[in-house]
Amino acid sequence: MASNSKQQKRAKRAAAKARENRMVRSGQAVKSSGESSSASVEQVFNKAMESGSYNALFEKMKQAQEGGLVPLISVFLVDPLLALVLKGHKEEHATDYIVMVFTAYRKWLDGADEDTTMAWLESDEFQAAYVSASEAVAKVQQKQFG
């Protein structure tokens, strides 16, 4: 497993790349790159939003957030829909999905706009919490399945 600082750097690069990708898409339609057999992360996200699939997740995340960022992120990391996205899409597309869900969560929770959410996602505090939550979830999953 990579060191904490390396994971933080990767997460920051991924968040910056996701922001860049969204800026490009906001001005023009971008076709899915060779993933015609599976739904794009935008389609997965939109369908889940329309069906109300995130309502229960957001409630769990809100409750977990009372304990801090690590519990909040941990709830998200064990979401079955995230697991499907991670299995079926490239890392950069999965990162876009993660950013979309956290943006929707912050909008749902406190009406935060995308820029505010991106600043939150790119903050050192969030990055460190994401790494800690990832490690904690990995340990639990390793004990369960390993």
Protein backbone atom coordinates (compact mmCIF):
# COMPACT_ATOMS: atom_id res chain seq x y z
CA MET A 1 0.00 0.00 0.00
CA ALA A 2 1.23 3.51 -0.83
CA SER A 3 2.27 5.90 1.92
CA ASN A 4 -0.22 8.41 3.30
CA SER A 5 1.49 11.34 1.59
CA LYS A 6 1.49 9.54 -1.75
CA GLN A 7 -2.21 8.68 -1.36
CA GLN A 8 -2.96 12.31 -0.52
CA LYS A 9 -1.07 13.50 -3.61
CA ARG A 10 -2.96 11.02 -5.77
CA ALA A 11 -6.28 12.12 -4.31
CA LYS A 12 -5.45 15.80 -4.93
CA ARG A 13 -4.42 15.07 -8.52
CA ALA A 14 -7.60 13.06 -9.03
CA ALA A 15 -9.76 15.87 -7.66
CA ALA A 16 -8.01 18.41 -9.89
CA LYS A 17 -8.45 16.13 -12.91
CA ALA A 18 -12.13 15.64 -12.11
CA ARG A 19 -12.61 19.40 -11.92
CA GLU A 20 -10.81 19.83 -15.25
CA ASN A 21 -12.96 17.13 -16.86
CA ARG A 22 -16.16 18.78 -15.64
CA MET A 23 -15.03 22.15 -17.01
CA VAL A 24 -14.38 20.61 -20.41
CA ARG A 25 -17.75 18.82 -20.39
CA SER A 26 -19.66 21.92 -19.30
CA GLY A 27 -18.91 23.58 -22.62
CA GLN A 28 -19.29 20.61 -24.93
CA ALA A 29 -20.68 17.12 -25.12
CA VAL A 30 -18.03 14.47 -24.55
CA LYS A 31 -18.61 10.97 -25.82
CA SER A 32 -17.79 8.06 -23.57
CA SER A 33 -14.30 6.80 -24.41
CA GLY A 34 -14.83 3.24 -25.55
CA GLU A 35 -17.23 2.31 -22.78
CA SER A 36 -20.32 1.92 -24.93
CA SER A 37 -21.16 -1.41 -23.32
CA SER A 38 -21.60 0.10 -19.88
CA ALA A 39 -23.29 3.22 -18.64
CA SER A 40 -21.12 6.27 -18.11
CA VAL A 41 -20.59 7.45 -14.55
CA GLU A 42 -22.79 10.45 -15.36
CA GLN A 43 -25.59 8.11 -16.42
CA VAL A 44 -25.16 5.99 -13.29
CA PHE A 45 -25.17 9.10 -11.12
CA ASN A 46 -28.17 10.69 -12.85
CA LYS A 47 -30.22 7.50 -12.75
CA ALA A 48 -29.47 7.03 -9.05
CA MET A 49 -30.37 10.67 -8.33
CA GLU A 50 -33.65 10.40 -10.25
CA SER A 51 -34.62 7.19 -8.48
CA GLY A 52 -33.81 8.54 -5.01
CA SER A 53 -31.08 5.95 -4.47
CA TYR A 54 -28.89 8.45 -2.65
CA ASN A 55 -31.48 9.50 -0.06
CA ALA A 56 -30.64 6.72 2.39
CA LEU A 57 -26.90 7.09 1.72
CA PHE A 58 -27.00 10.83 2.37
CA GLU A 59 -28.93 10.28 5.62
CA LYS A 60 -26.30 7.76 6.76
CA MET A 61 -23.50 10.12 5.75
CA LYS A 62 -25.13 12.98 7.66
CA GLN A 63 -25.43 10.86 10.81
CA ALA A 64 -21.84 9.63 10.45
CA GLN A 65 -20.56 13.18 9.92
CA GLU A 66 -21.43 13.94 13.54
CA GLY A 67 -18.41 11.74 14.36
CA GLY A 68 -16.14 13.56 11.88
CA LEU A 69 -14.97 13.27 8.32
CA VAL A 70 -13.50 9.77 8.58
CA PRO A 71 -16.85 8.16 9.56
CA LEU A 72 -18.64 10.22 6.87
CA ILE A 73 -16.24 9.09 4.15
CA SER A 74 -16.27 5.51 5.44
CA VAL A 75 -20.04 5.32 4.96
CA PHE A 76 -19.60 6.48 1.38
CA LEU A 77 -16.74 4.07 0.66
CA VAL A 78 -18.83 1.01 1.52
CA ASP A 79 -21.78 2.05 -0.66
CA PRO A 80 -22.63 -0.75 -3.12
CA LEU A 81 -23.14 1.69 -6.00
CA LEU A 82 -19.60 3.00 -5.55
CA ALA A 83 -18.30 -0.57 -5.69
CA LEU A 84 -20.07 -1.09 -9.02
CA VAL A 85 -18.63 2.12 -10.44
CA LEU A 86 -15.13 1.21 -9.28
CA LYS A 87 -15.38 -2.22 -10.91
CA GLY A 88 -16.84 -1.02 -14.19
CA HIS A 89 -15.00 2.21 -14.93
CA LYS A 90 -11.52 3.63 -15.26
CA GLU A 91 -10.02 5.35 -12.24
CA GLU A 92 -10.47 8.86 -13.63
CA HIS A 93 -14.15 8.22 -14.35
CA ALA A 94 -14.65 6.72 -10.90
CA THR A 95 -13.06 9.86 -9.46
CA ASP A 96 -15.56 11.97 -11.39
CA TYR A 97 -18.35 9.87 -9.88
CA ILE A 98 -16.98 10.35 -6.36
CA VAL A 99 -16.84 14.11 -6.86
CA MET A 100 -20.40 14.13 -8.26
CA VAL A 101 -21.75 12.25 -5.25
CA PHE A 102 -19.96 14.44 -2.70
CA THR A 103 -21.12 17.56 -4.59
CA ALA A 104 -24.71 16.30 -4.50
CA TYR A 105 -24.32 15.43 -0.82
CA ARG A 106 -23.07 18.89 0.11
CA LYS A 107 -25.83 20.51 -1.94
CA TRP A 108 -28.38 18.28 -0.18
CA LEU A 109 -26.85 18.87 3.25
CA ASP A 110 -26.19 22.59 3.29
CA GLY A 111 -26.79 23.98 -0.20
CA ALA A 112 -23.06 24.26 -0.99
CA ASP A 113 -22.18 25.03 -4.60
CA GLU A 114 -19.63 23.10 -6.67
CA ASP A 115 -16.75 25.51 -6.00
CA THR A 116 -17.31 25.30 -2.24
CA THR A 117 -17.49 21.52 -2.42
CA MET A 118 -14.32 21.30 -4.52
CA ALA A 119 -12.46 23.48 -2.01
CA TRP A 120 -13.68 21.12 0.73
CA LEU A 121 -12.67 18.00 -1.24
CA GLU A 122 -9.23 19.43 -2.03
CA SER A 123 -8.57 20.55 1.55
CA ASP A 124 -5.76 18.86 3.47
CA GLU A 125 -8.26 17.91 6.18
CA PHE A 126 -10.54 16.09 3.74
CA GLN A 127 -7.63 14.44 1.92
CA ALA A 128 -6.17 13.09 5.17
CA ALA A 129 -9.61 11.88 6.29
CA TYR A 130 -10.15 10.17 2.92
CA VAL A 131 -6.87 8.30 3.24
CA SER A 132 -7.66 7.28 6.83
CA ALA A 133 -11.17 6.14 5.89
CA SER A 134 -9.82 4.18 2.90
CA GLU A 135 -7.32 2.39 5.11
CA ALA A 136 -9.92 1.64 7.79
CA VAL A 137 -12.42 0.29 5.26
CA ALA A 138 -9.70 -1.80 3.58
CA LYS A 139 -8.74 -3.35 6.93
CA VAL A 140 -12.34 -4.22 7.75
CA GLN A 141 -12.91 -5.71 4.30
CA GLN A 142 -9.66 -7.66 4.53
CA LYS A 143 -10.78 -9.18 7.85
CA GLN A 144 -14.19 -10.03 6.39
CA PHE A 145 -13.00 -11.51 3.12
CA GLY A 146 -9.35 -12.26 3.64
